[in-house]
Every structure is written in C-alpha cells, then in structure tokens.
N, C-alpha and C. Protein backbone atom coordinates (compact mmCIF):
# COMPACT_ATOMS: atom_id res chain seq x y z
N UNK A 1 15.95 -86.56 -10.50
CA UNK A 1 17.34 -86.13 -10.40
C UNK A 1 18.12 -87.13 -9.56
N UNK A 2 19.36 -87.42 -9.92
CA UNK A 2 20.18 -88.32 -9.10
C UNK A 2 20.37 -87.77 -7.70
N UNK A 3 20.58 -88.63 -6.75
CA UNK A 3 20.78 -88.21 -5.37
C UNK A 3 22.26 -88.18 -5.03
N UNK A 4 22.71 -87.12 -4.30
CA UNK A 4 24.13 -87.02 -3.96
C UNK A 4 24.55 -88.10 -2.98
N UNK A 5 25.78 -88.57 -3.12
CA UNK A 5 26.36 -89.56 -2.24
C UNK A 5 27.84 -89.20 -2.10
N UNK A 6 28.20 -88.54 -1.00
CA UNK A 6 29.58 -88.12 -0.77
C UNK A 6 30.11 -87.22 -1.88
N UNK A 7 29.28 -86.31 -2.38
CA UNK A 7 29.71 -85.36 -3.40
C UNK A 7 29.58 -85.86 -4.82
N UNK A 8 29.25 -87.12 -5.01
CA UNK A 8 29.01 -87.67 -6.33
C UNK A 8 27.52 -87.90 -6.49
N UNK A 9 27.09 -88.18 -7.68
CA UNK A 9 25.69 -88.50 -7.92
C UNK A 9 25.59 -89.94 -8.36
N UNK A 10 24.78 -90.70 -7.64
CA UNK A 10 24.63 -92.12 -7.92
C UNK A 10 23.61 -92.31 -9.04
N UNK A 11 23.97 -93.06 -10.03
CA UNK A 11 23.06 -93.40 -11.11
C UNK A 11 22.86 -94.91 -11.10
N UNK A 12 21.84 -95.37 -11.74
CA UNK A 12 21.58 -96.81 -11.80
C UNK A 12 22.28 -97.42 -13.02
N UNK A 13 23.59 -97.29 -13.02
CA UNK A 13 24.41 -97.91 -14.05
C UNK A 13 25.50 -98.71 -13.37
N UNK A 14 25.93 -99.74 -14.04
CA UNK A 14 26.95 -100.62 -13.49
C UNK A 14 28.12 -100.69 -14.48
N UNK A 15 29.32 -100.70 -13.95
CA UNK A 15 30.53 -100.83 -14.77
C UNK A 15 30.54 -102.20 -15.44
N UNK A 16 30.71 -102.21 -16.74
CA UNK A 16 30.73 -103.46 -17.49
C UNK A 16 32.03 -104.24 -17.27
N UNK A 17 33.04 -103.58 -16.70
CA UNK A 17 34.33 -104.23 -16.46
C UNK A 17 34.36 -104.95 -15.13
N UNK A 18 33.90 -104.25 -14.05
CA UNK A 18 34.03 -104.83 -12.71
C UNK A 18 32.71 -105.04 -11.98
N UNK A 19 31.60 -104.49 -12.51
CA UNK A 19 30.30 -104.68 -11.88
C UNK A 19 29.97 -103.71 -10.76
N UNK A 20 30.80 -102.69 -10.56
CA UNK A 20 30.59 -101.70 -9.50
C UNK A 20 29.63 -100.61 -9.97
N UNK A 21 28.85 -100.04 -9.04
CA UNK A 21 27.95 -98.92 -9.36
C UNK A 21 28.78 -97.73 -9.84
N UNK A 22 28.27 -97.05 -10.87
CA UNK A 22 28.96 -95.89 -11.43
C UNK A 22 28.44 -94.61 -10.80
N UNK A 23 29.30 -93.62 -10.69
CA UNK A 23 28.96 -92.33 -10.13
C UNK A 23 29.07 -91.26 -11.21
N UNK A 24 28.09 -90.39 -11.27
CA UNK A 24 28.12 -89.26 -12.18
C UNK A 24 28.79 -88.10 -11.46
N UNK A 25 29.85 -87.54 -12.06
CA UNK A 25 30.60 -86.47 -11.39
C UNK A 25 31.32 -85.61 -12.41
N UNK A 26 31.90 -84.52 -11.93
CA UNK A 26 32.69 -83.63 -12.78
C UNK A 26 34.11 -84.18 -12.84
N UNK A 27 34.60 -84.31 -14.07
CA UNK A 27 35.97 -84.76 -14.29
C UNK A 27 36.64 -83.81 -15.28
N UNK A 28 37.92 -84.01 -15.53
CA UNK A 28 38.61 -83.13 -16.47
C UNK A 28 39.65 -83.92 -17.26
N UNK A 29 39.98 -83.36 -18.42
CA UNK A 29 41.10 -83.83 -19.23
C UNK A 29 41.68 -82.61 -19.93
N UNK A 30 42.54 -82.81 -20.89
CA UNK A 30 43.18 -81.68 -21.57
C UNK A 30 42.18 -80.77 -22.29
N UNK A 31 41.02 -81.29 -22.66
CA UNK A 31 40.02 -80.50 -23.39
C UNK A 31 39.16 -79.64 -22.46
N UNK A 32 39.14 -79.92 -21.18
CA UNK A 32 38.34 -79.13 -20.23
C UNK A 32 37.64 -80.01 -19.22
N UNK A 33 36.61 -79.44 -18.60
CA UNK A 33 35.83 -80.13 -17.57
C UNK A 33 34.57 -80.70 -18.19
N UNK A 34 34.14 -81.84 -17.69
CA UNK A 34 32.94 -82.48 -18.23
C UNK A 34 32.25 -83.30 -17.16
N UNK A 35 31.00 -83.65 -17.42
CA UNK A 35 30.23 -84.52 -16.55
C UNK A 35 30.32 -85.92 -17.14
N UNK A 36 30.64 -86.87 -16.30
CA UNK A 36 30.76 -88.23 -16.79
C UNK A 36 30.59 -89.25 -15.69
N UNK A 37 30.49 -90.49 -16.11
CA UNK A 37 30.41 -91.58 -15.14
C UNK A 37 31.80 -91.98 -14.70
N UNK A 38 31.91 -92.27 -13.42
CA UNK A 38 33.18 -92.64 -12.80
C UNK A 38 32.99 -93.94 -12.03
N UNK A 39 33.88 -94.88 -12.24
CA UNK A 39 33.85 -96.13 -11.49
C UNK A 39 34.91 -96.06 -10.40
N UNK A 40 34.54 -96.26 -9.14
CA UNK A 40 35.53 -96.21 -8.05
C UNK A 40 36.64 -97.26 -8.19
N UNK A 41 36.37 -98.33 -8.91
CA UNK A 41 37.38 -99.39 -9.10
C UNK A 41 38.25 -99.16 -10.34
N UNK A 42 37.63 -98.72 -11.43
CA UNK A 42 38.31 -98.64 -12.73
C UNK A 42 38.72 -97.22 -13.15
N UNK A 43 38.10 -96.19 -12.55
CA UNK A 43 38.41 -94.82 -12.91
C UNK A 43 37.38 -94.24 -13.87
N UNK A 44 37.73 -93.18 -14.62
CA UNK A 44 36.79 -92.55 -15.55
C UNK A 44 36.20 -93.59 -16.51
N UNK A 45 34.87 -93.49 -16.72
CA UNK A 45 34.17 -94.50 -17.50
C UNK A 45 33.60 -93.94 -18.80
N UNK A 46 32.96 -92.75 -18.73
CA UNK A 46 32.37 -92.17 -19.93
C UNK A 46 32.19 -90.67 -19.77
N UNK A 47 32.07 -89.98 -20.89
CA UNK A 47 31.76 -88.54 -20.89
C UNK A 47 30.31 -88.39 -21.31
N UNK A 48 29.51 -87.67 -20.51
CA UNK A 48 28.08 -87.52 -20.76
C UNK A 48 27.68 -86.09 -21.11
N UNK A 49 28.62 -85.16 -21.13
CA UNK A 49 28.29 -83.76 -21.40
C UNK A 49 29.29 -83.15 -22.37
N UNK A 50 28.96 -81.94 -22.81
CA UNK A 50 29.92 -81.11 -23.52
C UNK A 50 31.03 -80.73 -22.55
N UNK A 51 32.06 -80.07 -23.07
CA UNK A 51 33.13 -79.58 -22.21
C UNK A 51 32.79 -78.20 -21.66
N UNK A 52 33.27 -77.92 -20.46
CA UNK A 52 33.10 -76.62 -19.81
C UNK A 52 34.48 -76.03 -19.56
N UNK A 53 34.54 -74.70 -19.54
CA UNK A 53 35.84 -74.04 -19.35
C UNK A 53 36.29 -74.00 -17.90
N UNK A 54 35.36 -74.21 -16.96
CA UNK A 54 35.73 -74.22 -15.55
C UNK A 54 35.00 -75.33 -14.80
N UNK A 55 35.60 -75.73 -13.69
CA UNK A 55 34.98 -76.74 -12.82
C UNK A 55 33.65 -76.22 -12.27
N UNK A 56 33.60 -74.94 -11.94
CA UNK A 56 32.39 -74.34 -11.38
C UNK A 56 31.22 -74.43 -12.36
N UNK A 57 31.48 -74.17 -13.64
CA UNK A 57 30.42 -74.28 -14.66
C UNK A 57 29.90 -75.71 -14.75
N UNK A 58 30.82 -76.66 -14.76
CA UNK A 58 30.42 -78.06 -14.85
C UNK A 58 29.66 -78.50 -13.60
N UNK A 59 30.09 -78.06 -12.42
CA UNK A 59 29.38 -78.39 -11.18
C UNK A 59 27.98 -77.80 -11.18
N UNK A 60 27.85 -76.57 -11.68
CA UNK A 60 26.53 -75.95 -11.76
C UNK A 60 25.62 -76.77 -12.67
N UNK A 61 26.13 -77.19 -13.81
CA UNK A 61 25.34 -78.00 -14.74
C UNK A 61 24.93 -79.32 -14.09
N UNK A 62 25.85 -79.95 -13.38
CA UNK A 62 25.54 -81.22 -12.70
C UNK A 62 24.50 -81.00 -11.60
N UNK A 63 24.69 -79.98 -10.79
CA UNK A 63 23.80 -79.72 -9.66
C UNK A 63 22.41 -79.29 -10.08
N UNK A 64 22.29 -78.69 -11.26
CA UNK A 64 20.97 -78.26 -11.75
C UNK A 64 20.38 -79.28 -12.73
N UNK A 65 21.13 -80.37 -12.95
CA UNK A 65 20.67 -81.43 -13.87
C UNK A 65 20.37 -80.88 -15.25
N UNK A 66 21.26 -79.98 -15.72
CA UNK A 66 21.03 -79.30 -16.99
C UNK A 66 22.35 -79.22 -17.77
N UNK A 67 22.60 -80.23 -18.61
CA UNK A 67 23.78 -80.20 -19.45
C UNK A 67 23.47 -80.78 -20.81
N UNK A 68 24.31 -80.46 -21.77
CA UNK A 68 24.16 -80.93 -23.15
C UNK A 68 25.30 -81.85 -23.51
N UNK A 69 25.05 -82.71 -24.48
CA UNK A 69 26.11 -83.54 -25.03
C UNK A 69 26.13 -83.41 -26.52
C-alpha cells in the first residue's frame, strides 16, 4: 500500500511534463469525486478510479486501497 505523505499517497510515478513525483489523492470534477494522480507542479494528472458520490466514499476507498476503474 502507498505510504501517506502530508495527507497524500506517494506512488513511484513521475510526471512526464515536469519530472516531479506524482501523488495519489482524492480529487473532484463535475462528474463527482475520484482517486487520481496529482502533480504538485502541473495539477491533476490522471483519474485512476470510478467516480464516487461523496468525498468520504472516495477517501475510504483510497485509505483501504480498494477502488475500481
């Protein structure tokens, strides 16, 4: 399981745009909440899960390492 780092989960992926380490976290858009990679330099990078109706549901999926795409 990824290890938490300031509320985000660090994965061994690098942003192809700027070379910065990517963080797995809960994000949202008009379709709902999702788990995805986030680059601190470039912003949202990818969606790795289905959509959830609430932030709490998505956080639970992230914290238990149990989500679907």
